[in-house]
Amino acid sequence: MEKHLKKLQLSGYSRTSPNVIMGASWTHIWREEFKVHKLHLLTSKPELLLQPRWDIPPLMWLLYRGFMLVYTVSWLIYMILLFKTPKLLIYLSNISYCLMVIYYLVAFCNLAWAFLKVRCSSHRMNRGDSSETLLSPPVASLCLQWFLHSMMGCSSLTVSFIYWTLIHTSDQHSLTAFNIHIHAINSIQTTVDLLLSSTPVHLTHLFYGVLGGLLYVIFVVVYWLMGCTNLNGEPYIYSILDFSGRPLVATLCILGVALLCLPSCHFVLWNMQLLREWVVSREKVRRMALKREVWWWVKVSGRATFDLVPSLDPAASVFEARGQPMMEDQLS
């Protein structure tokens, strides 16, 4: 048990983290989530927001982030050319996809920054300055990335669920590549990103999703009161939000999305994170998990050996590491 915990600590998770302790019950993890400190977007180990959960080569991970950025930006440009009007932003699905584009942009920039800082620190150590400490990562940018990850995740799943259950019709003309991408592939992208990355998901972060949902509720009501129309000139954004014709149905739908669907989707993401950590903890899969010090201080920094890998306290961040050597047998 003790040996297992040490290996998990080297992967970037603290000893007290309930997500990685073998035998920890789901109910215990649930109780641990409802603590005030888990509501904020600050983390003592920012590398969790940057690194993959699996031992993916750094260059491949950077290319993945860059590819997803280019891919989503391309679809965003296509969306703008397709709608040719600012009204594209009245739809929740389009807002959600814009959040995804911003998330991939911020995530790619943060990762590129981290790679650059680790490389620079490695060069300084090679010149003999072993006491050099890495500069603190951009806190505001990492907080924004974590916030966008939370918002993008629950909004993407919500958009897919609402569209295919309430809005989509059986008309074959509605099954366009754009509709499938914005209302289905978006959730696949969210799921893949969550399972590949080390980004934590806290239940208390559902507050941000609910707040975003309530802001959209206010926008929809104000939009209707001002007499604005959708792309077809109809006095509502979605047919299920027709406050003039079916006020009760519209009210129940919009409150259900904000207060029930968004939190439920966030709950699904939280359980997916638990599944990810459970898979990592399996004996046959553990060797595929990322070893934090090796990944950052050997693979990212460009070193060819383990002899200068800094020895980290499991609770410390790699961005606070000093040049205390860790030998290869300590990392095995």
C-alpha atoms as a PDB file:
ATOM      1  CA  MET A   1       0.000   0.000   0.000  1.00  0.00           C
ATOM      2  CA  GLU A   2       2.775   2.414   0.979  1.00  0.00           C
ATOM      3  CA  LYS A   3       4.720   1.647  -2.197  1.00  0.00           C
ATOM      4  CA  HIS A   4       1.585   2.228  -4.291  1.00  0.00           C
ATOM      5  CA  LEU A   5       0.990   5.619  -2.674  1.00  0.00           C
ATOM      6  CA  LYS A   6       4.560   6.706  -3.332  1.00  0.00           C
ATOM      7  CA  LYS A   7       4.218   5.905  -7.022  1.00  0.00           C
ATOM      8  CA  LEU A   8       1.001   7.861  -7.201  1.00  0.00           C
ATOM      9  CA  GLN A   9       2.670  10.801  -5.475  1.00  0.00           C
ATOM     10  CA  LEU A  10       5.335  10.845  -8.191  1.00  0.00           C
ATOM     11  CA  SER A  11       2.519  11.139 -10.723  1.00  0.00           C
ATOM     12  CA  GLY A  12       1.524  14.493  -9.260  1.00  0.00           C
ATOM     13  CA  TYR A  13      -1.237  13.605  -6.777  1.00  0.00           C
ATOM     14  CA  SER A  14      -0.870  14.233  -3.082  1.00  0.00           C
ATOM     15  CA  ARG A  15      -0.972  11.556  -0.399  1.00  0.00           C
ATOM     16  CA  THR A  16      -4.249  12.837   0.944  1.00  0.00           C
ATOM     17  CA  SER A  17      -6.002  12.996  -2.412  1.00  0.00           C
ATOM     18  CA  PRO A  18      -9.049  10.708  -2.141  1.00  0.00           C
ATOM     19  CA  ASN A  19      -9.128  10.226  -5.895  1.00  0.00           C
ATOM     20  CA  VAL A  20      -6.028   8.029  -5.932  1.00  0.00           C
ATOM     21  CA  ILE A  21      -6.151   6.061  -2.660  1.00  0.00           C
ATOM     22  CA  MET A  22      -6.968   2.441  -3.366  1.00  0.00           C
ATOM     23  CA  GLY A  23     -10.065   1.297  -1.557  1.00  0.00           C
ATOM     24  CA  ALA A  24     -11.408   4.798  -0.991  1.00  0.00           C
ATOM     25  CA  SER A  25     -15.177   4.644  -1.219  1.00  0.00           C
ATOM     26  CA  TRP A  26     -17.179   6.776  -3.600  1.00  0.00           C
ATOM     27  CA  THR A  27     -19.109   8.274  -0.665  1.00  0.00           C
ATOM     28  CA  HIS A  28     -15.885   9.294   1.076  1.00  0.00           C
ATOM     29  CA  ILE A  29     -14.665  11.023  -2.084  1.00  0.00           C
ATOM     30  CA  TRP A  30     -18.069  12.716  -2.372  1.00  0.00           C
ATOM     31  CA  ARG A  31     -17.808  14.137   1.170  1.00  0.00           C
ATOM     32  CA  GLU A  32     -14.280  15.374   0.548  1.00  0.00           C
ATOM     33  CA  GLU A  33     -15.467  17.387  -2.438  1.00  0.00           C
ATOM     34  CA  PHE A  34     -17.690  19.724  -0.428  1.00  0.00           C
ATOM     35  CA  LYS A  35     -14.962  21.834   1.129  1.00  0.00           C
ATOM     36  CA  VAL A  36     -14.568  25.564   0.725  1.00  0.00           C
ATOM     37  CA  HIS A  37     -10.996  25.421  -0.581  1.00  0.00           C
ATOM     38  CA  LYS A  38     -12.130  23.315  -3.538  1.00  0.00           C
ATOM     39  CA  LEU A  39     -14.372  26.097  -4.784  1.00  0.00           C
ATOM     40  CA  HIS A  40     -11.545  28.402  -5.845  1.00  0.00           C
ATOM     41  CA  LEU A  41      -9.502  28.040  -9.013  1.00  0.00           C
ATOM     42  CA  LEU A  42      -6.050  28.150  -7.451  1.00  0.00           C
ATOM     43  CA  THR A  43      -3.934  25.017  -7.172  1.00  0.00           C
ATOM     44  CA  SER A  44      -0.642  24.366  -5.407  1.00  0.00           C
ATOM     45  CA  LYS A  45       0.454  22.165  -8.321  1.00  0.00           C
ATOM     46  CA  PRO A  46      -0.275  24.044 -11.563  1.00  0.00           C
ATOM     47  CA  GLU A  47       1.339  21.283 -13.605  1.00  0.00           C
ATOM     48  CA  LEU A  48      -1.872  19.280 -13.146  1.00  0.00           C
ATOM     49  CA  LEU A  49      -3.540  21.768 -15.484  1.00  0.00           C
ATOM     50  CA  LEU A  50      -0.734  21.460 -18.019  1.00  0.00           C
ATOM     51  CA  GLN A  51       0.432  17.863 -18.223  1.00  0.00           C
ATOM     52  CA  PRO A  52      -1.273  14.738 -19.562  1.00  0.00           C
ATOM     53  CA  ARG A  53      -2.361  11.984 -17.182  1.00  0.00           C
ATOM     54  CA  TRP A  54      -0.574   9.409 -19.302  1.00  0.00           C
ATOM     55  CA  ASP A  55       3.037   9.115 -20.346  1.00  0.00           C
ATOM     56  CA  ILE A  56       2.527  10.921 -23.632  1.00  0.00           C
ATOM     57  CA  PRO A  57       5.725  12.419 -25.125  1.00  0.00           C
ATOM     58  CA  PRO A  58       5.832  16.197 -24.479  1.00  0.00           C
ATOM     59  CA  LEU A  59       6.126  17.095 -28.156  1.00  0.00           C
ATOM     60  CA  MET A  60       3.122  14.920 -28.995  1.00  0.00           C
ATOM     61  CA  TRP A  61       1.149  16.532 -26.163  1.00  0.00           C
ATOM     62  CA  LEU A  62       2.031  20.007 -27.409  1.00  0.00           C
ATOM     63  CA  LEU A  63       1.074  18.995 -30.956  1.00  0.00           C
ATOM     64  CA  TYR A  64      -2.244  17.653 -29.654  1.00  0.00           C
ATOM     65  CA  ARG A  65      -2.991  20.981 -27.975  1.00  0.00           C
ATOM     66  CA  GLY A  66      -1.989  22.865 -31.103  1.00  0.00           C
ATOM     67  CA  PHE A  67      -4.039  20.599 -33.377  1.00  0.00           C
ATOM     68  CA  MET A  68      -7.166  20.979 -31.246  1.00  0.00           C
ATOM     69  CA  LEU A  69      -6.708  24.749 -31.290  1.00  0.00           C
ATOM     70  CA  VAL A  70      -6.402  24.863 -35.087  1.00  0.00           C
ATOM     71  CA  TYR A  71      -9.268  22.402 -35.501  1.00  0.00           C
ATOM     72  CA  THR A  72     -11.716  24.329 -33.301  1.00  0.00           C
ATOM     73  CA  VAL A  73     -10.698  27.705 -34.735  1.00  0.00           C
ATOM     74  CA  SER A  74     -11.344  26.333 -38.238  1.00  0.00           C
ATOM     75  CA  TRP A  75     -14.861  25.312 -37.261  1.00  0.00           C
ATOM     76  CA  LEU A  76     -15.405  28.674 -35.586  1.00  0.00           C
ATOM     77  CA  ILE A  77     -14.452  30.463 -38.806  1.00  0.00           C
ATOM     78  CA  TYR A  78     -16.813  28.174 -40.717  1.00  0.00           C
ATOM     79  CA  MET A  79     -19.565  28.999 -38.204  1.00  0.00           C
ATOM     80  CA  ILE A  80     -19.039  32.738 -38.694  1.00  0.00           C
ATOM     81  CA  LEU A  81     -19.128  32.401 -42.480  1.00  0.00           C
ATOM     82  CA  LEU A  82     -22.234  30.215 -42.253  1.00  0.00           C
ATOM     83  CA  PHE A  83     -24.306  32.553 -40.059  1.00  0.00           C
ATOM     84  CA  LYS A  84     -22.916  35.879 -41.332  1.00  0.00           C
ATOM     85  CA  THR A  85     -24.581  37.675 -38.426  1.00  0.00           C
ATOM     86  CA  PRO A  86     -23.806  38.418 -34.762  1.00  0.00           C
ATOM     87  CA  LYS A  87     -27.016  36.539 -33.942  1.00  0.00           C
ATOM     88  CA  LEU A  88     -24.992  33.331 -33.981  1.00  0.00           C
ATOM     89  CA  LEU A  89     -24.139  34.134 -30.355  1.00  0.00           C
ATOM     90  CA  ILE A  90     -27.743  33.906 -29.184  1.00  0.00           C
ATOM     91  CA  TYR A  91     -27.565  30.105 -29.402  1.00  0.00           C
ATOM     92  CA  LEU A  92     -26.220  28.159 -26.444  1.00  0.00           C
ATOM     93  CA  SER A  93     -24.479  25.639 -28.698  1.00  0.00           C
ATOM     94  CA  ASN A  94     -22.471  28.365 -30.423  1.00  0.00           C
ATOM     95  CA  ILE A  95     -21.598  30.036 -27.120  1.00  0.00           C
ATOM     96  CA  SER A  96     -20.414  26.675 -25.803  1.00  0.00           C
ATOM     97  CA  TYR A  97     -18.215  26.130 -28.849  1.00  0.00           C
ATOM     98  CA  CYS A  98     -16.696  29.595 -28.495  1.00  0.00           C
ATOM     99  CA  LEU A  99     -15.782  28.681 -24.904  1.00  0.00           C
ATOM    100  CA  MET A 100     -14.099  25.551 -26.245  1.00  0.00           C
ATOM    101  CA  VAL A 101     -12.032  27.577 -28.720  1.00  0.00           C
ATOM    102  CA  ILE A 102     -10.907  29.975 -25.985  1.00  0.00           C
ATOM    103  CA  TYR A 103     -10.077  27.039 -23.714  1.00  0.00           C
ATOM    104  CA  TYR A 104      -7.815  25.394 -26.298  1.00  0.00           C
ATOM    105  CA  LEU A 105      -6.152  28.742 -26.995  1.00  0.00           C
ATOM    106  CA  VAL A 106      -5.394  29.389 -23.321  1.00  0.00           C
ATOM    107  CA  ALA A 107      -4.338  25.760 -22.713  1.00  0.00           C
ATOM    108  CA  PHE A 108      -1.921  25.805 -25.659  1.00  0.00           C
ATOM    109  CA  CYS A 109      -0.367  29.130 -24.607  1.00  0.00           C
ATOM    110  CA  ASN A 110       0.038  27.984 -20.988  1.00  0.00           C
ATOM    111  CA  LEU A 111       1.634  24.710 -22.057  1.00  0.00           C
ATOM    112  CA  ALA A 112       4.032  26.438 -24.460  1.00  0.00           C
ATOM    113  CA  TRP A 113       4.989  28.878 -21.683  1.00  0.00           C
ATOM    114  CA  ALA A 114       5.665  26.020 -19.253  1.00  0.00           C
ATOM    115  CA  PHE A 115       7.825  24.150 -21.774  1.00  0.00           C
ATOM    116  CA  LEU A 116       9.846  27.299 -22.407  1.00  0.00           C
ATOM    117  CA  LYS A 117      10.404  27.963 -18.682  1.00  0.00           C
ATOM    118  CA  VAL A 118      11.469  24.379 -17.979  1.00  0.00           C
ATOM    119  CA  ARG A 119      13.883  24.430 -20.930  1.00  0.00           C
ATOM    120  CA  CYS A 120      15.394  27.717 -19.778  1.00  0.00           C
ATOM    121  CA  SER A 121      15.760  26.431 -16.227  1.00  0.00           C
ATOM    122  CA  SER A 122      17.425  23.272 -17.536  1.00  0.00           C
ATOM    123  CA  HIS A 123      19.986  25.307 -19.476  1.00  0.00           C
ATOM    124  CA  ARG A 124      20.760  27.344 -16.352  1.00  0.00           C
ATOM    125  CA  MET A 125      21.284  24.140 -14.349  1.00  0.00           C
ATOM    126  CA  ASN A 126      23.577  22.777 -17.059  1.00  0.00           C
ATOM    127  CA  ARG A 127      25.690  25.914 -16.643  1.00  0.00           C
ATOM    128  CA  GLY A 128      26.063  25.142 -12.939  1.00  0.00           C
ATOM    129  CA  ASP A 129      23.350  27.307 -11.415  1.00  0.00           C
ATOM    130  CA  SER A 130      21.657  24.389  -9.609  1.00  0.00           C
ATOM    131  CA  SER A 131      19.962  26.599  -7.029  1.00  0.00           C
ATOM    132  CA  GLU A 132      17.839  28.347  -9.625  1.00  0.00           C
ATOM    133  CA  THR A 133      14.108  28.242  -8.964  1.00  0.00           C
ATOM    134  CA  LEU A 134      11.548  28.380 -11.723  1.00  0.00           C
ATOM    135  CA  LEU A 135       9.430  31.479 -11.930  1.00  0.00           C
ATOM    136  CA  SER A 136       5.856  31.098 -10.775  1.00  0.00           C
ATOM    137  CA  PRO A 137       3.440  30.189 -13.563  1.00  0.00           C
ATOM    138  CA  PRO A 138       0.895  32.790 -14.724  1.00  0.00           C
ATOM    139  CA  VAL A 139      -1.716  32.296 -12.014  1.00  0.00           C
ATOM    140  CA  ALA A 140      -4.459  34.290 -13.718  1.00  0.00           C
ATOM    141  CA  SER A 141      -4.008  32.410 -16.998  1.00  0.00           C
ATOM    142  CA  LEU A 142      -4.104  29.009 -15.291  1.00  0.00           C
ATOM    143  CA  CYS A 143      -7.193  29.990 -13.311  1.00  0.00           C
ATOM    144  CA  LEU A 144      -8.825  31.026 -16.573  1.00  0.00           C
ATOM    145  CA  GLN A 145      -7.890  27.685 -18.153  1.00  0.00           C
ATOM    146  CA  TRP A 146      -9.407  25.715 -15.263  1.00  0.00           C
ATOM    147  CA  PHE A 147     -12.544  27.877 -15.315  1.00  0.00           C
ATOM    148  CA  LEU A 148     -12.950  27.404 -19.073  1.00  0.00           C
ATOM    149  CA  HIS A 149     -12.373  23.655 -18.715  1.00  0.00           C
ATOM    150  CA  SER A 150     -15.225  23.462 -16.222  1.00  0.00           C
ATOM    151  CA  MET A 151     -17.568  25.668 -18.248  1.00  0.00           C
ATOM    152  CA  MET A 152     -16.722  23.982 -21.557  1.00  0.00           C
ATOM    153  CA  GLY A 153     -17.248  20.519 -20.129  1.00  0.00           C
ATOM    154  CA  CYS A 154     -20.685  20.895 -18.602  1.00  0.00           C
ATOM    155  CA  SER A 155     -21.967  23.183 -21.373  1.00  0.00           C
ATOM    156  CA  SER A 156     -20.858  20.780 -24.132  1.00  0.00           C
ATOM    157  CA  LEU A 157     -22.601  17.802 -22.576  1.00  0.00           C
ATOM    158  CA  THR A 158     -25.680  19.918 -21.878  1.00  0.00           C
ATOM    159  CA  VAL A 159     -25.836  21.168 -25.467  1.00  0.00           C
ATOM    160  CA  SER A 160     -25.606  17.616 -26.823  1.00  0.00           C
ATOM    161  CA  PHE A 161     -28.264  16.293 -24.455  1.00  0.00           C
ATOM    162  CA  ILE A 162     -30.730  19.150 -24.989  1.00  0.00           C
ATOM    163  CA  TYR A 163     -30.308  19.232 -28.754  1.00  0.00           C
ATOM    164  CA  TRP A 164     -30.791  15.509 -29.401  1.00  0.00           C
ATOM    165  CA  THR A 165     -33.669  15.133 -26.936  1.00  0.00           C
ATOM    166  CA  LEU A 166     -35.690  18.350 -27.260  1.00  0.00           C
ATOM    167  CA  ILE A 167     -34.643  20.376 -30.302  1.00  0.00           C
ATOM    168  CA  HIS A 168     -33.571  17.951 -33.017  1.00  0.00           C
ATOM    169  CA  THR A 169     -36.245  16.899 -35.496  1.00  0.00           C
ATOM    170  CA  SER A 170     -36.441  13.787 -37.625  1.00  0.00           C
ATOM    171  CA  ASP A 171     -35.873  15.898 -40.734  1.00  0.00           C
ATOM    172  CA  GLN A 172     -32.848  14.467 -42.553  1.00  0.00           C
ATOM    173  CA  HIS A 173     -31.873  17.950 -43.742  1.00  0.00           C
ATOM    174  CA  SER A 174     -31.004  18.862 -40.141  1.00  0.00           C
ATOM    175  CA  LEU A 175     -28.297  16.162 -40.034  1.00  0.00           C
ATOM    176  CA  THR A 176     -25.634  18.404 -41.519  1.00  0.00           C
ATOM    177  CA  ALA A 177     -21.935  18.124 -40.754  1.00  0.00           C
ATOM    178  CA  PHE A 178     -22.138  21.389 -38.833  1.00  0.00           C
ATOM    179  CA  ASN A 179     -25.010  20.243 -36.604  1.00  0.00           C
ATOM    180  CA  ILE A 180     -23.355  16.912 -35.890  1.00  0.00           C
ATOM    181  CA  HIS A 181     -20.078  18.615 -35.040  1.00  0.00           C
ATOM    182  CA  ILE A 182     -21.515  21.355 -32.818  1.00  0.00           C
ATOM    183  CA  HIS A 183     -23.992  19.081 -31.033  1.00  0.00           C
ATOM    184  CA  ALA A 184     -22.178  15.722 -30.860  1.00  0.00           C
ATOM    185  CA  ILE A 185     -18.466  15.914 -31.672  1.00  0.00           C
ATOM    186  CA  ASN A 186     -18.163  18.710 -29.101  1.00  0.00           C
ATOM    187  CA  SER A 187     -18.955  16.268 -26.286  1.00  0.00           C
ATOM    188  CA  ILE A 188     -16.493  13.731 -27.697  1.00  0.00           C
ATOM    189  CA  GLN A 189     -13.784  16.416 -27.692  1.00  0.00           C
ATOM    190  CA  THR A 190     -14.603  17.282 -24.084  1.00  0.00           C
ATOM    191  CA  THR A 191     -14.485  13.632 -23.019  1.00  0.00           C
ATOM    192  CA  VAL A 192     -11.183  12.940 -24.761  1.00  0.00           C
ATOM    193  CA  ASP A 193      -9.581  16.044 -23.249  1.00  0.00           C
ATOM    194  CA  LEU A 194     -10.710  15.071 -19.749  1.00  0.00           C
ATOM    195  CA  LEU A 195      -9.479  11.485 -20.039  1.00  0.00           C
ATOM    196  CA  LEU A 196      -6.096  12.438 -21.522  1.00  0.00           C
ATOM    197  CA  SER A 197      -5.265  15.405 -19.291  1.00  0.00           C
ATOM    198  CA  SER A 198      -4.535  15.597 -15.563  1.00  0.00           C
ATOM    199  CA  THR A 199      -6.997  18.442 -15.011  1.00  0.00           C
ATOM    200  CA  PRO A 200      -8.918  17.893 -11.751  1.00  0.00           C
ATOM    201  CA  VAL A 201     -12.705  18.184 -11.645  1.00  0.00           C
ATOM    202  CA  HIS A 202     -14.287  19.356  -8.398  1.00  0.00           C
ATOM    203  CA  LEU A 203     -17.979  19.092  -7.656  1.00  0.00           C
ATOM    204  CA  THR A 204     -17.964  22.565  -6.145  1.00  0.00           C
ATOM    205  CA  HIS A 205     -17.025  23.959  -9.557  1.00  0.00           C
ATOM    206  CA  LEU A 206     -20.554  23.233 -10.723  1.00  0.00           C
ATOM    207  CA  PHE A 207     -21.275  26.622  -9.173  1.00  0.00           C
ATOM    208  CA  TYR A 208     -19.626  28.249 -12.184  1.00  0.00           C
ATOM    209  CA  GLY A 209     -21.721  26.244 -14.619  1.00  0.00           C
ATOM    210  CA  VAL A 210     -24.938  27.093 -12.775  1.00  0.00           C
ATOM    211  CA  LEU A 211     -23.955  30.760 -12.665  1.00  0.00           C
ATOM    212  CA  GLY A 212     -23.305  30.723 -16.406  1.00  0.00           C
ATOM    213  CA  GLY A 213     -26.644  29.025 -16.975  1.00  0.00           C
ATOM    214  CA  LEU A 214     -28.490  31.648 -14.925  1.00  0.00           C
ATOM    215  CA  LEU A 215     -26.794  34.415 -16.885  1.00  0.00           C
ATOM    216  CA  TYR A 216     -28.019  32.785 -20.088  1.00  0.00           C
ATOM    217  CA  VAL A 217     -31.535  32.618 -18.583  1.00  0.00           C
ATOM    218  CA  ILE A 218     -31.412  36.359 -17.933  1.00  0.00           C
ATOM    219  CA  PHE A 219     -30.176  36.970 -21.474  1.00  0.00           C
ATOM    220  CA  VAL A 220     -32.988  34.868 -23.001  1.00  0.00           C
ATOM    221  CA  VAL A 221     -35.677  36.673 -21.008  1.00  0.00           C
ATOM    222  CA  VAL A 222     -34.291  40.128 -21.798  1.00  0.00           C
ATOM    223  CA  TYR A 223     -33.920  39.158 -25.471  1.00  0.00           C
ATOM    224  CA  TRP A 224     -37.604  38.144 -25.556  1.00  0.00           C
ATOM    225  CA  LEU A 225     -38.791  41.254 -23.679  1.00  0.00           C
ATOM    226  CA  MET A 226     -36.958  43.477 -26.169  1.00  0.00           C
ATOM    227  CA  GLY A 227     -38.872  41.830 -29.026  1.00  0.00           C
ATOM    228  CA  CYS A 228     -35.773  40.393 -30.687  1.00  0.00           C
ATOM    229  CA  THR A 229     -36.032  37.448 -33.058  1.00  0.00           C
ATOM    230  CA  ASN A 230     -34.008  34.446 -34.139  1.00  0.00           C
ATOM    231  CA  LEU A 231     -32.504  33.869 -37.580  1.00  0.00           C
ATOM    232  CA  ASN A 232     -35.926  32.987 -38.991  1.00  0.00           C
ATOM    233  CA  GLY A 233     -37.618  36.114 -37.653  1.00  0.00           C
ATOM    234  CA  GLU A 234     -39.458  34.210 -34.915  1.00  0.00           C
ATOM    235  CA  PRO A 235     -39.902  35.865 -31.463  1.00  0.00           C
ATOM    236  CA  TYR A 236     -37.757  33.340 -29.599  1.00  0.00           C
ATOM    237  CA  ILE A 237     -34.310  31.776 -29.719  1.00  0.00           C
ATOM    238  CA  TYR A 238     -35.457  28.155 -29.593  1.00  0.00           C
ATOM    239  CA  SER A 239     -39.025  26.946 -30.167  1.00  0.00           C
ATOM    240  CA  ILE A 240     -39.103  25.441 -26.663  1.00  0.00           C
ATOM    241  CA  LEU A 241     -38.371  28.937 -25.290  1.00  0.00           C
ATOM    242  CA  ASP A 242     -41.457  30.589 -26.732  1.00  0.00           C
ATOM    243  CA  PHE A 243     -42.533  32.718 -23.761  1.00  0.00           C
ATOM    244  CA  SER A 244     -45.371  34.251 -25.770  1.00  0.00           C
ATOM    245  CA  GLY A 245     -46.984  31.038 -26.935  1.00  0.00           C
ATOM    246  CA  ARG A 246     -46.017  28.569 -24.186  1.00  0.00           C
ATOM    247  CA  PRO A 247     -44.741  30.525 -21.185  1.00  0.00           C
ATOM    248  CA  LEU A 248     -44.975  27.636 -18.699  1.00  0.00           C
ATOM    249  CA  VAL A 249     -43.088  25.213 -20.931  1.00  0.00           C
ATOM    250  CA  ALA A 250     -40.435  27.837 -21.720  1.00  0.00           C
ATOM    251  CA  THR A 251     -39.956  28.681 -18.040  1.00  0.00           C
ATOM    252  CA  LEU A 252     -39.675  25.048 -16.962  1.00  0.00           C
ATOM    253  CA  CYS A 253     -37.259  24.242 -19.783  1.00  0.00           C
ATOM    254  CA  ILE A 254     -34.893  27.092 -19.180  1.00  0.00           C
ATOM    255  CA  LEU A 255     -34.821  26.634 -15.405  1.00  0.00           C
ATOM    256  CA  GLY A 256     -34.405  22.899 -15.874  1.00  0.00           C
ATOM    257  CA  VAL A 257     -31.352  23.446 -18.054  1.00  0.00           C
ATOM    258  CA  ALA A 258     -29.744  25.932 -15.656  1.00  0.00           C
ATOM    259  CA  LEU A 259     -30.558  24.212 -12.361  1.00  0.00           C
ATOM    260  CA  LEU A 260     -30.754  20.535 -13.301  1.00  0.00           C
ATOM    261  CA  CYS A 261     -29.083  19.691 -16.604  1.00  0.00           C
ATOM    262  CA  LEU A 262     -25.882  21.714 -16.163  1.00  0.00           C
ATOM    263  CA  PRO A 263     -25.184  20.372 -12.625  1.00  0.00           C
ATOM    264  CA  SER A 264     -25.998  16.825 -13.768  1.00  0.00           C
ATOM    265  CA  CYS A 265     -23.544  17.070 -16.657  1.00  0.00           C
ATOM    266  CA  HIS A 266     -20.872  18.395 -14.317  1.00  0.00           C
ATOM    267  CA  PHE A 267     -21.576  15.439 -12.040  1.00  0.00           C
ATOM    268  CA  VAL A 268     -21.001  13.119 -15.009  1.00  0.00           C
ATOM    269  CA  LEU A 269     -17.644  14.794 -15.701  1.00  0.00           C
ATOM    270  CA  TRP A 270     -16.635  14.394 -12.062  1.00  0.00           C
ATOM    271  CA  ASN A 271     -17.374  10.667 -12.217  1.00  0.00           C
ATOM    272  CA  MET A 272     -15.447  10.395 -15.467  1.00  0.00           C
ATOM    273  CA  GLN A 273     -12.460  11.878 -13.668  1.00  0.00           C
ATOM    274  CA  LEU A 274     -12.848   9.268 -10.912  1.00  0.00           C
ATOM    275  CA  LEU A 275     -12.925   6.578 -13.598  1.00  0.00           C
ATOM    276  CA  ARG A 276      -9.724   8.003 -15.083  1.00  0.00           C
ATOM    277  CA  GLU A 277      -7.968   7.879 -11.717  1.00  0.00           C
ATOM    278  CA  TRP A 278      -9.290   4.389 -11.012  1.00  0.00           C
ATOM    279  CA  VAL A 279      -7.882   3.144 -14.321  1.00  0.00           C
ATOM    280  CA  VAL A 280      -4.527   4.784 -13.565  1.00  0.00           C
ATOM    281  CA  SER A 281      -4.403   3.026 -10.188  1.00  0.00           C
ATOM    282  CA  ARG A 282      -4.714  -0.437 -11.765  1.00  0.00           C
ATOM    283  CA  GLU A 283      -1.531  -2.479 -11.594  1.00  0.00           C
ATOM    284  CA  LYS A 284      -1.505  -3.349 -15.310  1.00  0.00           C
ATOM    285  CA  VAL A 285      -2.078   0.244 -16.404  1.00  0.00           C
ATOM    286  CA  ARG A 286       0.025   2.118 -13.851  1.00  0.00           C
ATOM    287  CA  ARG A 287       3.203   1.878 -15.933  1.00  0.00           C
ATOM    288  CA  MET A 288       1.451   3.939 -18.618  1.00  0.00           C
ATOM    289  CA  ALA A 289       0.726   6.770 -16.183  1.00  0.00           C
ATOM    290  CA  LEU A 290       2.821   9.907 -16.204  1.00  0.00           C
ATOM    291  CA  LYS A 291       5.722  10.188 -13.750  1.00  0.00           C
ATOM    292  CA  ARG A 292       5.805  13.887 -13.005  1.00  0.00           C
ATOM    293  CA  GLU A 293       9.517  14.492 -12.358  1.00  0.00           C
ATOM    294  CA  VAL A 294      10.674  12.381 -15.296  1.00  0.00           C
ATOM    295  CA  TRP A 295       8.199  13.973 -17.700  1.00  0.00           C
ATOM    296  CA  TRP A 296       9.074  17.570 -16.798  1.00  0.00           C
ATOM    297  CA  TRP A 297      12.731  17.376 -15.838  1.00  0.00           C
ATOM    298  CA  VAL A 298      13.922  14.783 -18.360  1.00  0.00           C
ATOM    299  CA  LYS A 299      11.559  14.735 -21.317  1.00  0.00           C
ATOM    300  CA  VAL A 300      10.442  18.369 -21.392  1.00  0.00           C
ATOM    301  CA  SER A 301      13.797  19.805 -20.329  1.00  0.00           C
ATOM    302  CA  GLY A 302      15.670  17.736 -22.926  1.00  0.00           C
ATOM    303  CA  ARG A 303      17.975  15.920 -20.523  1.00  0.00           C
ATOM    304  CA  ALA A 304      19.179  12.508 -21.574  1.00  0.00           C
ATOM    305  CA  THR A 305      19.686  11.056 -18.067  1.00  0.00           C
ATOM    306  CA  PHE A 306      18.003  10.995 -14.679  1.00  0.00           C
ATOM    307  CA  ASP A 307      20.997  12.121 -12.639  1.00  0.00           C
ATOM    308  CA  LEU A 308      19.994  15.786 -12.458  1.00  0.00           C
ATOM    309  CA  VAL A 309      16.270  15.307 -11.965  1.00  0.00           C
ATOM    310  CA  PRO A 310      15.222  17.447  -8.964  1.00  0.00           C
ATOM    311  CA  SER A 311      13.830  15.537  -6.000  1.00  0.00           C
ATOM    312  CA  LEU A 312      10.395  16.907  -5.190  1.00  0.00           C
ATOM    313  CA  ASP A 313       8.208  16.794  -2.161  1.00  0.00           C
ATOM    314  CA  PRO A 314       4.993  15.084  -3.377  1.00  0.00           C
ATOM    315  CA  ALA A 315       3.055  18.153  -2.216  1.00  0.00           C
ATOM    316  CA  ALA A 316       5.348  20.540  -4.096  1.00  0.00           C
ATOM    317  CA  SER A 317       5.042  21.791  -7.633  1.00  0.00           C
ATOM    318  CA  VAL A 318       7.625  21.171 -10.325  1.00  0.00           C
ATOM    319  CA  PHE A 319       7.722  24.946 -10.716  1.00  0.00           C
ATOM    320  CA  GLU A 320       9.118  25.218  -7.187  1.00  0.00           C
ATOM    321  CA  ALA A 321      11.792  22.585  -7.748  1.00  0.00           C
ATOM    322  CA  ARG A 322      15.400  23.200  -6.854  1.00  0.00           C
ATOM    323  CA  GLY A 323      18.382  21.262  -8.068  1.00  0.00           C
ATOM    324  CA  GLN A 324      18.531  18.447  -5.518  1.00  0.00           C
ATOM    325  CA  PRO A 325      19.486  15.411  -7.594  1.00  0.00           C
ATOM    326  CA  MET A 326      17.227  12.387  -7.760  1.00  0.00           C
ATOM    327  CA  MET A 327      18.867   9.205  -8.934  1.00  0.00           C
ATOM    328  CA  GLU A 328      17.245   6.779 -11.329  1.00  0.00           C
ATOM    329  CA  ASP A 329      16.446   4.189  -8.646  1.00  0.00           C
ATOM    330  CA  GLN A 330      14.338   6.789  -6.800  1.00  0.00           C
ATOM    331  CA  LEU A 331      12.127   7.201  -9.860  1.00  0.00           C
ATOM    332  CA  SER A 332      11.538   3.530 -10.562  1.00  0.00           C
END
